[in-house]
Amino acid sequence: MYNHPMIESLRHALRGFHWLISNQRNFRIHLAISLFVLVLAFILRVTKVEFAILIFCIILGLAIEMINSAFEEIADLITIKWAKQAKIAKDVTSSMMLFASFGLFLIGLIIFLPYIF
């Protein structure tokens, strides 16, 4: 049976997403927080623009976590023994996620605090 290249690409992407959910605890945590943010936005009835900003922040955070996970797997593939360069690559991508999380959290506060107080 012929598989259209776009359908095959979608299958690969879904397998990757399934792997993330199955193997990456931090990705599952980000998904849970994202769901909480969406529910809170719905309950507080944020504006359409604020909702769009929150969606963008969620996608950005999840995408950065995906990049972090991919870099960690690549580093593990390159060397199974401890290597300074692999550690640096893992630490830098982890810090990318940390810095993004702080920024995304601040954006969430800016949007939600006026509704709460």
PDB file of N, CA and C in Angstrom:
ATOM      1  N   MET A   1       0.840  -1.182   0.000  1.00  0.00           N
ATOM      2  CA  MET A   1       0.000   0.000   0.000  1.00  0.00           C
ATOM      3  C   MET A   1       0.885   1.246   0.000  1.00  0.00           C
ATOM      4  N   TYR A   2       0.561   2.191  -0.823  1.00  0.00           N
ATOM      5  CA  TYR A   2       1.331   3.431  -0.960  1.00  0.00           C
ATOM      6  C   TYR A   2       1.018   4.366   0.196  1.00  0.00           C
ATOM      7  N   ASN A   3       2.050   4.846   0.847  1.00  0.00           N
ATOM      8  CA  ASN A   3       1.875   5.838   1.908  1.00  0.00           C
ATOM      9  C   ASN A   3       2.281   7.199   1.384  1.00  0.00           C
ATOM     10  N   HIS A   4       1.372   8.117   1.463  1.00  0.00           N
ATOM     11  CA  HIS A   4       1.656   9.484   1.045  1.00  0.00           C
ATOM     12  C   HIS A   4       2.731  10.059   1.966  1.00  0.00           C
ATOM     13  N   PRO A   5       3.695  10.806   1.432  1.00  0.00           N
ATOM     14  CA  PRO A   5       4.771  11.357   2.275  1.00  0.00           C
ATOM     15  C   PRO A   5       4.265  12.193   3.454  1.00  0.00           C
ATOM     16  N   MET A   6       3.174  12.917   3.260  1.00  0.00           N
ATOM     17  CA  MET A   6       2.648  13.723   4.373  1.00  0.00           C
ATOM     18  C   MET A   6       2.077  12.834   5.473  1.00  0.00           C
ATOM     19  N   ILE A   7       1.409  11.758   5.087  1.00  0.00           N
ATOM     20  CA  ILE A   7       0.860  10.833   6.079  1.00  0.00           C
ATOM     21  C   ILE A   7       1.994  10.148   6.826  1.00  0.00           C
ATOM     22  N   GLU A   8       3.027   9.768   6.110  1.00  0.00           N
ATOM     23  CA  GLU A   8       4.192   9.132   6.749  1.00  0.00           C
ATOM     24  C   GLU A   8       4.871  10.106   7.714  1.00  0.00           C
ATOM     25  N   SER A   9       4.980  11.365   7.332  1.00  0.00           N
ATOM     26  CA  SER A   9       5.555  12.382   8.220  1.00  0.00           C
ATOM     27  C   SER A   9       4.715  12.544   9.478  1.00  0.00           C
ATOM     28  N   LEU A  10       3.406  12.521   9.307  1.00  0.00           N
ATOM     29  CA  LEU A  10       2.510  12.628  10.465  1.00  0.00           C
ATOM     30  C   LEU A  10       2.696  11.428  11.389  1.00  0.00           C
ATOM     31  N   ARG A  11       2.847  10.248  10.822  1.00  0.00           N
ATOM     32  CA  ARG A  11       3.082   9.046  11.646  1.00  0.00           C
ATOM     33  C   ARG A  11       4.366   9.183  12.460  1.00  0.00           C
ATOM     34  N   HIS A  12       5.425   9.664  11.821  1.00  0.00           N
ATOM     35  CA  HIS A  12       6.695   9.860  12.531  1.00  0.00           C
ATOM     36  C   HIS A  12       6.517  10.862  13.672  1.00  0.00           C
ATOM     37  N   ALA A  13       5.816  11.948  13.389  1.00  0.00           N
ATOM     38  CA  ALA A  13       5.598  12.975  14.413  1.00  0.00           C
ATOM     39  C   ALA A  13       4.791  12.418  15.581  1.00  0.00           C
ATOM     40  N   LEU A  14       3.766  11.647  15.294  1.00  0.00           N
ATOM     41  CA  LEU A  14       2.947  11.072  16.360  1.00  0.00           C
ATOM     42  C   LEU A  14       3.732  10.051  17.179  1.00  0.00           C
ATOM     43  N   ARG A  15       4.610   9.289  16.506  1.00  0.00           N
ATOM     44  CA  ARG A  15       5.474   8.354  17.248  1.00  0.00           C
ATOM     45  C   ARG A  15       6.405   9.121  18.184  1.00  0.00           C
ATOM     46  N   GLY A  16       6.946  10.237  17.687  1.00  0.00           N
ATOM     47  CA  GLY A  16       7.801  11.066  18.531  1.00  0.00           C
ATOM     48  C   GLY A  16       7.050  11.624  19.721  1.00  0.00           C
ATOM     49  N   PHE A  17       5.831  12.083  19.492  1.00  0.00           N
ATOM     50  CA  PHE A  17       5.004  12.618  20.583  1.00  0.00           C
ATOM     51  C   PHE A  17       4.700  11.523  21.607  1.00  0.00           C
ATOM     52  N   HIS A  18       4.371  10.331  21.115  1.00  0.00           N
ATOM     53  CA  HIS A  18       4.108   9.199  22.009  1.00  0.00           C
ATOM     54  C   HIS A  18       5.354   8.866  22.831  1.00  0.00           C
ATOM     55  N   TRP A  19       6.529   8.897  22.192  1.00  0.00           N
ATOM     56  CA  TRP A  19       7.770   8.627  22.919  1.00  0.00           C
ATOM     57  C   TRP A  19       7.980   9.660  24.029  1.00  0.00           C
ATOM     58  N   LEU A  20       7.735  10.924  23.705  1.00  0.00           N
ATOM     59  CA  LEU A  20       7.887  11.981  24.715  1.00  0.00           C
ATOM     60  C   LEU A  20       6.986  11.729  25.913  1.00  0.00           C
ATOM     61  N   ILE A  21       5.721  11.441  25.648  1.00  0.00           N
ATOM     62  CA  ILE A  21       4.769  11.213  26.739  1.00  0.00           C
ATOM     63  C   ILE A  21       5.163   9.977  27.547  1.00  0.00           C
ATOM     64  N   SER A  22       5.626   8.948  26.859  1.00  0.00           N
ATOM     65  CA  SER A  22       5.968   7.690  27.529  1.00  0.00           C
ATOM     66  C   SER A  22       7.277   7.753  28.311  1.00  0.00           C
ATOM     67  N   ASN A  23       8.225   8.589  27.868  1.00  0.00           N
ATOM     68  CA  ASN A  23       9.584   8.528  28.422  1.00  0.00           C
ATOM     69  C   ASN A  23      10.082   9.801  29.101  1.00  0.00           C
ATOM     70  N   GLN A  24       9.425  10.915  28.903  1.00  0.00           N
ATOM     71  CA  GLN A  24       9.951  12.180  29.416  1.00  0.00           C
ATOM     72  C   GLN A  24       9.016  12.774  30.467  1.00  0.00           C
ATOM     73  N   ARG A  25       9.379  12.584  31.730  1.00  0.00           N
ATOM     74  CA  ARG A  25       8.564  13.064  32.838  1.00  0.00           C
ATOM     75  C   ARG A  25       8.330  14.570  32.749  1.00  0.00           C
ATOM     76  N   ASN A  26       9.382  15.327  32.421  1.00  0.00           N
ATOM     77  CA  ASN A  26       9.233  16.777  32.350  1.00  0.00           C
ATOM     78  C   ASN A  26       8.250  17.202  31.269  1.00  0.00           C
ATOM     79  N   PHE A  27       8.202  16.465  30.168  1.00  0.00           N
ATOM     80  CA  PHE A  27       7.235  16.776  29.119  1.00  0.00           C
ATOM     81  C   PHE A  27       5.815  16.552  29.633  1.00  0.00           C
ATOM     82  N   ARG A  28       5.605  15.478  30.376  1.00  0.00           N
ATOM     83  CA  ARG A  28       4.284  15.226  30.954  1.00  0.00           C
ATOM     84  C   ARG A  28       3.905  16.326  31.937  1.00  0.00           C
ATOM     85  N   ILE A  29       4.877  16.794  32.711  1.00  0.00           N
ATOM     86  CA  ILE A  29       4.617  17.901  33.645  1.00  0.00           C
ATOM     87  C   ILE A  29       4.209  19.156  32.868  1.00  0.00           C
ATOM     88  N   HIS A  30       4.911  19.457  31.782  1.00  0.00           N
ATOM     89  CA  HIS A  30       4.575  20.624  30.961  1.00  0.00           C
ATOM     90  C   HIS A  30       3.178  20.489  30.358  1.00  0.00           C
ATOM     91  N   LEU A  31       2.816  19.293  29.940  1.00  0.00           N
ATOM     92  CA  LEU A  31       1.471  19.077  29.408  1.00  0.00           C
ATOM     93  C   LEU A  31       0.413  19.327  30.481  1.00  0.00           C
ATOM     94  N   ALA A  32       0.664  18.837  31.695  1.00  0.00           N
ATOM     95  CA  ALA A  32      -0.295  19.032  32.786  1.00  0.00           C
ATOM     96  C   ALA A  32      -0.440  20.520  33.127  1.00  0.00           C
ATOM     97  N   ILE A  33       0.678  21.219  33.207  1.00  0.00           N
ATOM     98  CA  ILE A  33       0.629  22.652  33.486  1.00  0.00           C
ATOM     99  C   ILE A  33      -0.099  23.386  32.359  1.00  0.00           C
ATOM    100  N   SER A  34       0.140  22.976  31.134  1.00  0.00           N
ATOM    101  CA  SER A  34      -0.517  23.593  29.980  1.00  0.00           C
ATOM    102  C   SER A  34      -2.029  23.409  30.054  1.00  0.00           C
ATOM    103  N   LEU A  35      -2.464  22.222  30.421  1.00  0.00           N
ATOM    104  CA  LEU A  35      -3.896  21.969  30.569  1.00  0.00           C
ATOM    105  C   LEU A  35      -4.478  22.849  31.673  1.00  0.00           C
ATOM    106  N   PHE A  36      -3.770  22.960  32.791  1.00  0.00           N
ATOM    107  CA  PHE A  36      -4.209  23.821  33.887  1.00  0.00           C
ATOM    108  C   PHE A  36      -4.356  25.271  33.417  1.00  0.00           C
ATOM    109  N   VAL A  37      -3.368  25.756  32.662  1.00  0.00           N
ATOM    110  CA  VAL A  37      -3.401  27.133  32.149  1.00  0.00           C
ATOM    111  C   VAL A  37      -4.611  27.335  31.244  1.00  0.00           C
ATOM    112  N   LEU A  38      -4.887  26.373  30.366  1.00  0.00           N
ATOM    113  CA  LEU A  38      -6.035  26.496  29.471  1.00  0.00           C
ATOM    114  C   LEU A  38      -7.353  26.499  30.238  1.00  0.00           C
ATOM    115  N   VAL A  39      -7.473  25.638  31.235  1.00  0.00           N
ATOM    116  CA  VAL A  39      -8.692  25.602  32.058  1.00  0.00           C
ATOM    117  C   VAL A  39      -8.848  26.919  32.815  1.00  0.00           C
ATOM    118  N   LEU A  40      -7.760  27.404  33.394  1.00  0.00           N
ATOM    119  CA  LEU A  40      -7.813  28.673  34.127  1.00  0.00           C
ATOM    120  C   LEU A  40      -8.195  29.817  33.197  1.00  0.00           C
ATOM    121  N   ALA A  41      -7.638  29.835  32.001  1.00  0.00           N
ATOM    122  CA  ALA A  41      -7.969  30.883  31.022  1.00  0.00           C
ATOM    123  C   ALA A  41      -9.462  30.832  30.670  1.00  0.00           C
ATOM    124  N   PHE A  42      -9.987  29.632  30.534  1.00  0.00           N
ATOM    125  CA  PHE A  42     -11.406  29.474  30.226  1.00  0.00           C
ATOM    126  C   PHE A  42     -12.275  29.951  31.393  1.00  0.00           C
ATOM    127  N   ILE A  43     -11.902  29.547  32.609  1.00  0.00           N
ATOM    128  CA  ILE A  43     -12.668  29.935  33.804  1.00  0.00           C
ATOM    129  C   ILE A  43     -12.656  31.449  34.001  1.00  0.00           C
ATOM    130  N   LEU A  44     -11.486  32.056  33.822  1.00  0.00           N
ATOM    131  CA  LEU A  44     -11.355  33.502  34.043  1.00  0.00           C
ATOM    132  C   LEU A  44     -11.820  34.325  32.844  1.00  0.00           C
ATOM    133  N   ARG A  45     -12.121  33.666  31.754  1.00  0.00           N
ATOM    134  CA  ARG A  45     -12.599  34.334  30.532  1.00  0.00           C
ATOM    135  C   ARG A  45     -11.643  35.425  30.065  1.00  0.00           C
ATOM    136  N   VAL A  46     -10.403  35.016  29.838  1.00  0.00           N
ATOM    137  CA  VAL A  46      -9.406  35.963  29.332  1.00  0.00           C
ATOM    138  C   VAL A  46      -9.814  36.389  27.920  1.00  0.00           C
ATOM    139  N   THR A  47      -9.261  37.486  27.462  1.00  0.00           N
ATOM    140  CA  THR A  47      -9.592  37.982  26.118  1.00  0.00           C
ATOM    141  C   THR A  47      -9.023  37.040  25.058  1.00  0.00           C
ATOM    142  N   LYS A  48      -9.482  37.221  23.837  1.00  0.00           N
ATOM    143  CA  LYS A  48      -8.983  36.404  22.735  1.00  0.00           C
ATOM    144  C   LYS A  48      -7.491  36.620  22.518  1.00  0.00           C
ATOM    145  N   VAL A  49      -7.050  37.852  22.631  1.00  0.00           N
ATOM    146  CA  VAL A  49      -5.626  38.143  22.453  1.00  0.00           C
ATOM    147  C   VAL A  49      -4.811  37.481  23.563  1.00  0.00           C
ATOM    148  N   GLU A  50      -5.271  37.576  24.794  1.00  0.00           N
ATOM    149  CA  GLU A  50      -4.567  36.928  25.910  1.00  0.00           C
ATOM    150  C   GLU A  50      -4.549  35.412  25.730  1.00  0.00           C
ATOM    151  N   PHE A  51      -5.669  34.866  25.268  1.00  0.00           N
ATOM    152  CA  PHE A  51      -5.725  33.422  25.034  1.00  0.00           C
ATOM    153  C   PHE A  51      -4.731  33.010  23.949  1.00  0.00           C
ATOM    154  N   ALA A  52      -4.652  33.806  22.896  1.00  0.00           N
ATOM    155  CA  ALA A  52      -3.694  33.522  21.821  1.00  0.00           C
ATOM    156  C   ALA A  52      -2.258  33.574  22.343  1.00  0.00           C
ATOM    157  N   ILE A  53      -1.972  34.535  23.199  1.00  0.00           N
ATOM    158  CA  ILE A  53      -0.634  34.641  23.793  1.00  0.00           C
ATOM    159  C   ILE A  53      -0.343  33.410  24.640  1.00  0.00           C
ATOM    160  N   LEU A  54      -1.326  32.966  25.417  1.00  0.00           N
ATOM    161  CA  LEU A  54      -1.142  31.770  26.244  1.00  0.00           C
ATOM    162  C   LEU A  54      -0.906  30.529  25.377  1.00  0.00           C
ATOM    163  N   ILE A  55      -1.656  30.397  24.293  1.00  0.00           N
ATOM    164  CA  ILE A  55      -1.454  29.262  23.377  1.00  0.00           C
ATOM    165  C   ILE A  55      -0.039  29.300  22.809  1.00  0.00           C
ATOM    166  N   PHE A  56       0.401  30.484  22.393  1.00  0.00           N
ATOM    167  CA  PHE A  56       1.762  30.620  21.865  1.00  0.00           C
ATOM    168  C   PHE A  56       2.787  30.217  22.923  1.00  0.00           C
ATOM    169  N   CYS A  57       2.596  30.674  24.157  1.00  0.00           N
ATOM    170  CA  CYS A  57       3.527  30.332  25.242  1.00  0.00           C
ATOM    171  C   CYS A  57       3.555  28.831  25.508  1.00  0.00           C
ATOM    172  N   ILE A  58       2.390  28.203  25.479  1.00  0.00           N
ATOM    173  CA  ILE A  58       2.315  26.756  25.690  1.00  0.00           C
ATOM    174  C   ILE A  58       3.080  26.024  24.590  1.00  0.00           C
ATOM    175  N   ILE A  59       2.824  26.411  23.350  1.00  0.00           N
ATOM    176  CA  ILE A  59       3.504  25.763  22.223  1.00  0.00           C
ATOM    177  C   ILE A  59       5.012  25.981  22.311  1.00  0.00           C
ATOM    178  N   LEU A  60       5.427  27.194  22.640  1.00  0.00           N
ATOM    179  CA  LEU A  60       6.853  27.488  22.767  1.00  0.00           C
ATOM    180  C   LEU A  60       7.490  26.642  23.866  1.00  0.00           C
ATOM    181  N   GLY A  61       6.858  26.571  25.021  1.00  0.00           N
ATOM    182  CA  GLY A  61       7.401  25.776  26.125  1.00  0.00           C
ATOM    183  C   GLY A  61       7.511  24.298  25.776  1.00  0.00           C
ATOM    184  N   LEU A  62       6.467  23.747  25.156  1.00  0.00           N
ATOM    185  CA  LEU A  62       6.500  22.334  24.771  1.00  0.00           C
ATOM    186  C   LEU A  62       7.552  22.086  23.688  1.00  0.00           C
ATOM    187  N   ALA A  63       7.659  23.010  22.741  1.00  0.00           N
ATOM    188  CA  ALA A  63       8.655  22.852  21.677  1.00  0.00           C
ATOM    189  C   ALA A  63      10.077  22.880  22.245  1.00  0.00           C
ATOM    190  N   ILE A  64      10.332  23.768  23.181  1.00  0.00           N
ATOM    191  CA  ILE A  64      11.667  23.835  23.781  1.00  0.00           C
ATOM    192  C   ILE A  64      11.954  22.561  24.575  1.00  0.00           C
ATOM    193  N   GLU A  65      10.950  22.039  25.258  1.00  0.00           N
ATOM    194  CA  GLU A  65      11.147  20.773  25.977  1.00  0.00           C
ATOM    195  C   GLU A  65      11.430  19.638  24.995  1.00  0.00           C
ATOM    196  N   MET A  66      10.799  19.660  23.833  1.00  0.00           N
ATOM    197  CA  MET A  66      11.072  18.649  22.806  1.00  0.00           C
ATOM    198  C   MET A  66      12.508  18.763  22.305  1.00  0.00           C
ATOM    199  N   ILE A  67      12.963  19.983  22.059  1.00  0.00           N
ATOM    200  CA  ILE A  67      14.350  20.194  21.618  1.00  0.00           C
ATOM    201  C   ILE A  67      15.316  19.697  22.687  1.00  0.00           C
ATOM    202  N   ASN A  68      15.035  20.015  23.942  1.00  0.00           N
ATOM    203  CA  ASN A  68      15.883  19.575  25.046  1.00  0.00           C
ATOM    204  C   ASN A  68      15.975  18.047  25.077  1.00  0.00           C
ATOM    205  N   SER A  69      14.832  17.384  24.940  1.00  0.00           N
ATOM    206  CA  SER A  69      14.818  15.918  24.958  1.00  0.00           C
ATOM    207  C   SER A  69      15.591  15.346  23.773  1.00  0.00           C
ATOM    208  N   ALA A  70      15.425  15.945  22.605  1.00  0.00           N
ATOM    209  CA  ALA A  70      16.137  15.461  21.419  1.00  0.00           C
ATOM    210  C   ALA A  70      17.643  15.619  21.591  1.00  0.00           C
ATOM    211  N   PHE A  71      18.094  16.773  22.099  1.00  0.00           N
ATOM    212  CA  PHE A  71      19.527  16.988  22.321  1.00  0.00           C
ATOM    213  C   PHE A  71      20.083  15.978  23.318  1.00  0.00           C
ATOM    214  N   GLU A  72      19.339  15.683  24.368  1.00  0.00           N
ATOM    215  CA  GLU A  72      19.809  14.706  25.348  1.00  0.00           C
ATOM    216  C   GLU A  72      19.969  13.325  24.714  1.00  0.00           C
ATOM    217  N   GLU A  73      19.010  12.940  23.898  1.00  0.00           N
ATOM    218  CA  GLU A  73      19.095  11.639  23.232  1.00  0.00           C
ATOM    219  C   GLU A  73      20.260  11.588  22.244  1.00  0.00           C
ATOM    220  N   ILE A  74      20.475  12.687  21.519  1.00  0.00           N
ATOM    221  CA  ILE A  74      21.599  12.730  20.572  1.00  0.00           C
ATOM    222  C   ILE A  74      22.927  12.639  21.317  1.00  0.00           C
ATOM    223  N   ALA A  75      23.031  13.357  22.439  1.00  0.00           N
ATOM    224  CA  ALA A  75      24.266  13.304  23.229  1.00  0.00           C
ATOM    225  C   ALA A  75      24.517  11.881  23.730  1.00  0.00           C
ATOM    226  N   ASP A  76      23.446  11.201  24.162  1.00  0.00           N
ATOM    227  CA  ASP A  76      23.596   9.817  24.622  1.00  0.00           C
ATOM    228  C   ASP A  76      23.955   8.884  23.474  1.00  0.00           C
ATOM    229  N   LEU A  77      23.482   9.180  22.284  1.00  0.00           N
ATOM    230  CA  LEU A  77      23.807   8.363  21.119  1.00  0.00           C
ATOM    231  C   LEU A  77      25.279   8.506  20.739  1.00  0.00           C
ATOM    232  N   ILE A  78      25.778   9.732  20.820  1.00  0.00           N
ATOM    233  CA  ILE A  78      27.154  10.004  20.409  1.00  0.00           C
ATOM    234  C   ILE A  78      28.152   9.314  21.325  1.00  0.00           C
ATOM    235  N   THR A  79      27.862   9.327  22.616  1.00  0.00           N
ATOM    236  CA  THR A  79      28.792   8.692  23.549  1.00  0.00           C
ATOM    237  C   THR A  79      28.025   8.075  24.705  1.00  0.00           C
ATOM    238  N   ILE A  80      28.352   6.819  25.033  1.00  0.00           N
ATOM    239  CA  ILE A  80      27.703   6.163  26.157  1.00  0.00           C
ATOM    240  C   ILE A  80      28.489   6.389  27.448  1.00  0.00           C
ATOM    241  N   LYS A  81      29.734   6.842  27.303  1.00  0.00           N
ATOM    242  CA  LYS A  81      30.515   7.150  28.495  1.00  0.00           C
ATOM    243  C   LYS A  81      30.419   8.650  28.784  1.00  0.00           C
ATOM    244  N   TRP A  82      30.767   9.012  29.999  1.00  0.00           N
ATOM    245  CA  TRP A  82      30.701  10.415  30.376  1.00  0.00           C
ATOM    246  C   TRP A  82      31.684  11.212  29.521  1.00  0.00           C
ATOM    247  N   ALA A  83      31.194  12.323  28.997  1.00  0.00           N
ATOM    248  CA  ALA A  83      32.041  13.211  28.194  1.00  0.00           C
ATOM    249  C   ALA A  83      31.668  14.649  28.529  1.00  0.00           C
ATOM    250  N   LYS A  84      32.693  15.459  28.714  1.00  0.00           N
ATOM    251  CA  LYS A  84      32.476  16.864  29.077  1.00  0.00           C
ATOM    252  C   LYS A  84      31.578  17.572  28.066  1.00  0.00           C
ATOM    253  N   GLN A  85      31.830  17.366  26.779  1.00  0.00           N
ATOM    254  CA  GLN A  85      31.060  18.048  25.742  1.00  0.00           C
ATOM    255  C   GLN A  85      29.584  17.621  25.760  1.00  0.00           C
ATOM    256  N   ALA A  86      29.324  16.341  25.993  1.00  0.00           N
ATOM    257  CA  ALA A  86      27.940  15.861  26.069  1.00  0.00           C
ATOM    258  C   ALA A  86      27.240  16.480  27.274  1.00  0.00           C
ATOM    259  N   LYS A  87      27.952  16.569  28.393  1.00  0.00           N
ATOM    260  CA  LYS A  87      27.384  17.190  29.584  1.00  0.00           C
ATOM    261  C   LYS A  87      27.072  18.657  29.331  1.00  0.00           C
ATOM    262  N   ILE A  88      27.978  19.362  28.668  1.00  0.00           N
ATOM    263  CA  ILE A  88      27.748  20.773  28.353  1.00  0.00           C
ATOM    264  C   ILE A  88      26.507  20.913  27.465  1.00  0.00           C
ATOM    265  N   ALA A  89      26.389  20.086  26.434  1.00  0.00           N
ATOM    266  CA  ALA A  89      25.230  20.155  25.536  1.00  0.00           C
ATOM    267  C   ALA A  89      23.933  19.925  26.311  1.00  0.00           C
ATOM    268  N   LYS A  90      23.933  18.929  27.183  1.00  0.00           N
ATOM    269  CA  LYS A  90      22.740  18.648  27.986  1.00  0.00           C
ATOM    270  C   LYS A  90      22.434  19.794  28.944  1.00  0.00           C
ATOM    271  N   ASP A  91      23.469  20.324  29.597  1.00  0.00           N
ATOM    272  CA  ASP A  91      23.259  21.416  30.549  1.00  0.00           C
ATOM    273  C   ASP A  91      22.756  22.681  29.860  1.00  0.00           C
ATOM    274  N   VAL A  92      23.292  22.986  28.687  1.00  0.00           N
ATOM    275  CA  VAL A  92      22.877  24.197  27.968  1.00  0.00           C
ATOM    276  C   VAL A  92      21.420  24.081  27.514  1.00  0.00           C
ATOM    277  N   THR A  93      21.030  22.922  26.979  1.00  0.00           N
ATOM    278  CA  THR A  93      19.633  22.798  26.552  1.00  0.00           C
ATOM    279  C   THR A  93      18.690  22.779  27.749  1.00  0.00           C
ATOM    280  N   SER A  94      19.141  22.236  28.866  1.00  0.00           N
ATOM    281  CA  SER A  94      18.328  22.301  30.081  1.00  0.00           C
ATOM    282  C   SER A  94      18.170  23.737  30.565  1.00  0.00           C
ATOM    283  N   SER A  95      19.257  24.515  30.480  1.00  0.00           N
ATOM    284  CA  SER A  95      19.158  25.914  30.909  1.00  0.00           C
ATOM    285  C   SER A  95      18.269  26.709  29.949  1.00  0.00           C
ATOM    286  N   MET A  96      18.236  26.328  28.678  1.00  0.00           N
ATOM    287  CA  MET A  96      17.329  26.965  27.720  1.00  0.00           C
ATOM    288  C   MET A  96      15.886  26.779  28.193  1.00  0.00           C
ATOM    289  N   MET A  97      15.549  25.584  28.618  1.00  0.00           N
ATOM    290  CA  MET A  97      14.198  25.306  29.103  1.00  0.00           C
ATOM    291  C   MET A  97      13.922  26.077  30.383  1.00  0.00           C
ATOM    292  N   LEU A  98      14.909  26.140  31.271  1.00  0.00           N
ATOM    293  CA  LEU A  98      14.736  26.856  32.529  1.00  0.00           C
ATOM    294  C   LEU A  98      14.467  28.343  32.288  1.00  0.00           C
ATOM    295  N   PHE A  99      15.275  28.971  31.448  1.00  0.00           N
ATOM    296  CA  PHE A  99      15.098  30.399  31.163  1.00  0.00           C
ATOM    297  C   PHE A  99      13.756  30.646  30.474  1.00  0.00           C
ATOM    298  N   ALA A 100      13.393  29.801  29.534  1.00  0.00           N
ATOM    299  CA  ALA A 100      12.106  29.956  28.860  1.00  0.00           C
ATOM    300  C   ALA A 100      10.961  29.807  29.857  1.00  0.00           C
ATOM    301  N   SER A 101      11.076  28.839  30.765  1.00  0.00           N
ATOM    302  CA  SER A 101      10.028  28.630  31.766  1.00  0.00           C
ATOM    303  C   SER A 101       9.825  29.866  32.628  1.00  0.00           C
ATOM    304  N   PHE A 102      10.920  30.488  33.045  1.00  0.00           N
ATOM    305  CA  PHE A 102      10.793  31.714  33.833  1.00  0.00           C
ATOM    306  C   PHE A 102      10.060  32.794  33.044  1.00  0.00           C
ATOM    307  N   GLY A 103      10.461  32.992  31.802  1.00  0.00           N
ATOM    308  CA  GLY A 103       9.816  34.007  30.974  1.00  0.00           C
ATOM    309  C   GLY A 103       8.354  33.701  30.713  1.00  0.00           C
ATOM    310  N   LEU A 104       8.054  32.446  30.416  1.00  0.00           N
ATOM    311  CA  LEU A 104       6.673  32.053  30.150  1.00  0.00           C
ATOM    312  C   LEU A 104       5.823  32.172  31.409  1.00  0.00           C
ATOM    313  N   PHE A 105       6.395  31.859  32.548  1.00  0.00           N
ATOM    314  CA  PHE A 105       5.697  32.013  33.826  1.00  0.00           C
ATOM    315  C   PHE A 105       5.360  33.480  34.071  1.00  0.00           C
ATOM    316  N   LEU A 106       6.308  34.381  33.799  1.00  0.00           N
ATOM    317  CA  LEU A 106       6.056  35.805  33.972  1.00  0.00           C
ATOM    318  C   LEU A 106       4.937  36.296  33.060  1.00  0.00           C
ATOM    319  N   ILE A 107       4.922  35.819  31.831  1.00  0.00           N
ATOM    320  CA  ILE A 107       3.833  36.192  30.919  1.00  0.00           C
ATOM    321  C   ILE A 107       2.496  35.715  31.478  1.00  0.00           C
ATOM    322  N   GLY A 108       2.475  34.501  32.006  1.00  0.00           N
ATOM    323  CA  GLY A 108       1.252  33.985  32.635  1.00  0.00           C
ATOM    324  C   GLY A 108       0.803  34.855  33.792  1.00  0.00           C
ATOM    325  N   LEU A 109       1.745  35.267  34.625  1.00  0.00           N
ATOM    326  CA  LEU A 109       1.400  36.157  35.739  1.00  0.00           C
ATOM    327  C   LEU A 109       0.822  37.478  35.246  1.00  0.00           C
ATOM    328  N   ILE A 110       1.440  38.049  34.228  1.00  0.00           N
ATOM    329  CA  ILE A 110       0.967  39.324  33.677  1.00  0.00           C
ATOM    330  C   ILE A 110      -0.469  39.188  33.174  1.00  0.00           C
ATOM    331  N   ILE A 111      -0.784  38.051  32.580  1.00  0.00           N
ATOM    332  CA  ILE A 111      -2.136  37.853  32.057  1.00  0.00           C
ATOM    333  C   ILE A 111      -3.125  37.527  33.169  1.00  0.00           C
ATOM    334  N   PHE A 112      -2.759  36.630  34.082  1.00  0.00           N
ATOM    335  CA  PHE A 112      -3.734  36.132  35.059  1.00  0.00           C
ATOM    336  C   PHE A 112      -3.928  37.014  36.293  1.00  0.00           C
ATOM    337  N   LEU A 113      -2.881  37.679  36.752  1.00  0.00           N
ATOM    338  CA  LEU A 113      -3.016  38.436  38.011  1.00  0.00           C
ATOM    339  C   LEU A 113      -4.132  39.476  37.996  1.00  0.00           C
ATOM    340  N   PRO A 114      -4.320  40.247  36.937  1.00  0.00           N
ATOM    341  CA  PRO A 114      -5.437  41.204  36.957  1.00  0.00           C
ATOM    342  C   PRO A 114      -6.817  40.545  37.108  1.00  0.00           C
ATOM    343  N   TYR A 115      -6.959  39.319  36.644  1.00  0.00           N
ATOM    344  CA  TYR A 115      -8.237  38.601  36.783  1.00  0.00           C
ATOM    345  C   TYR A 115      -8.428  38.054  38.196  1.00  0.00           C
ATOM    346  N   ILE A 116      -7.334  37.769  38.863  1.00  0.00           N
ATOM    347  CA  ILE A 116      -7.397  37.151  40.188  1.00  0.00           C
ATOM    348  C   ILE A 116      -7.521  38.204  41.281  1.00  0.00           C
ATOM    349  N   PHE A 117      -6.850  39.359  41.106  1.00  0.00           N
ATOM    350  CA  PHE A 117      -6.874  40.390  42.146  1.00  0.00           C
ATOM    351  C   PHE A 117      -7.651  41.591  41.724  1.00  0.00           C
TER     352      PHE A 117
END
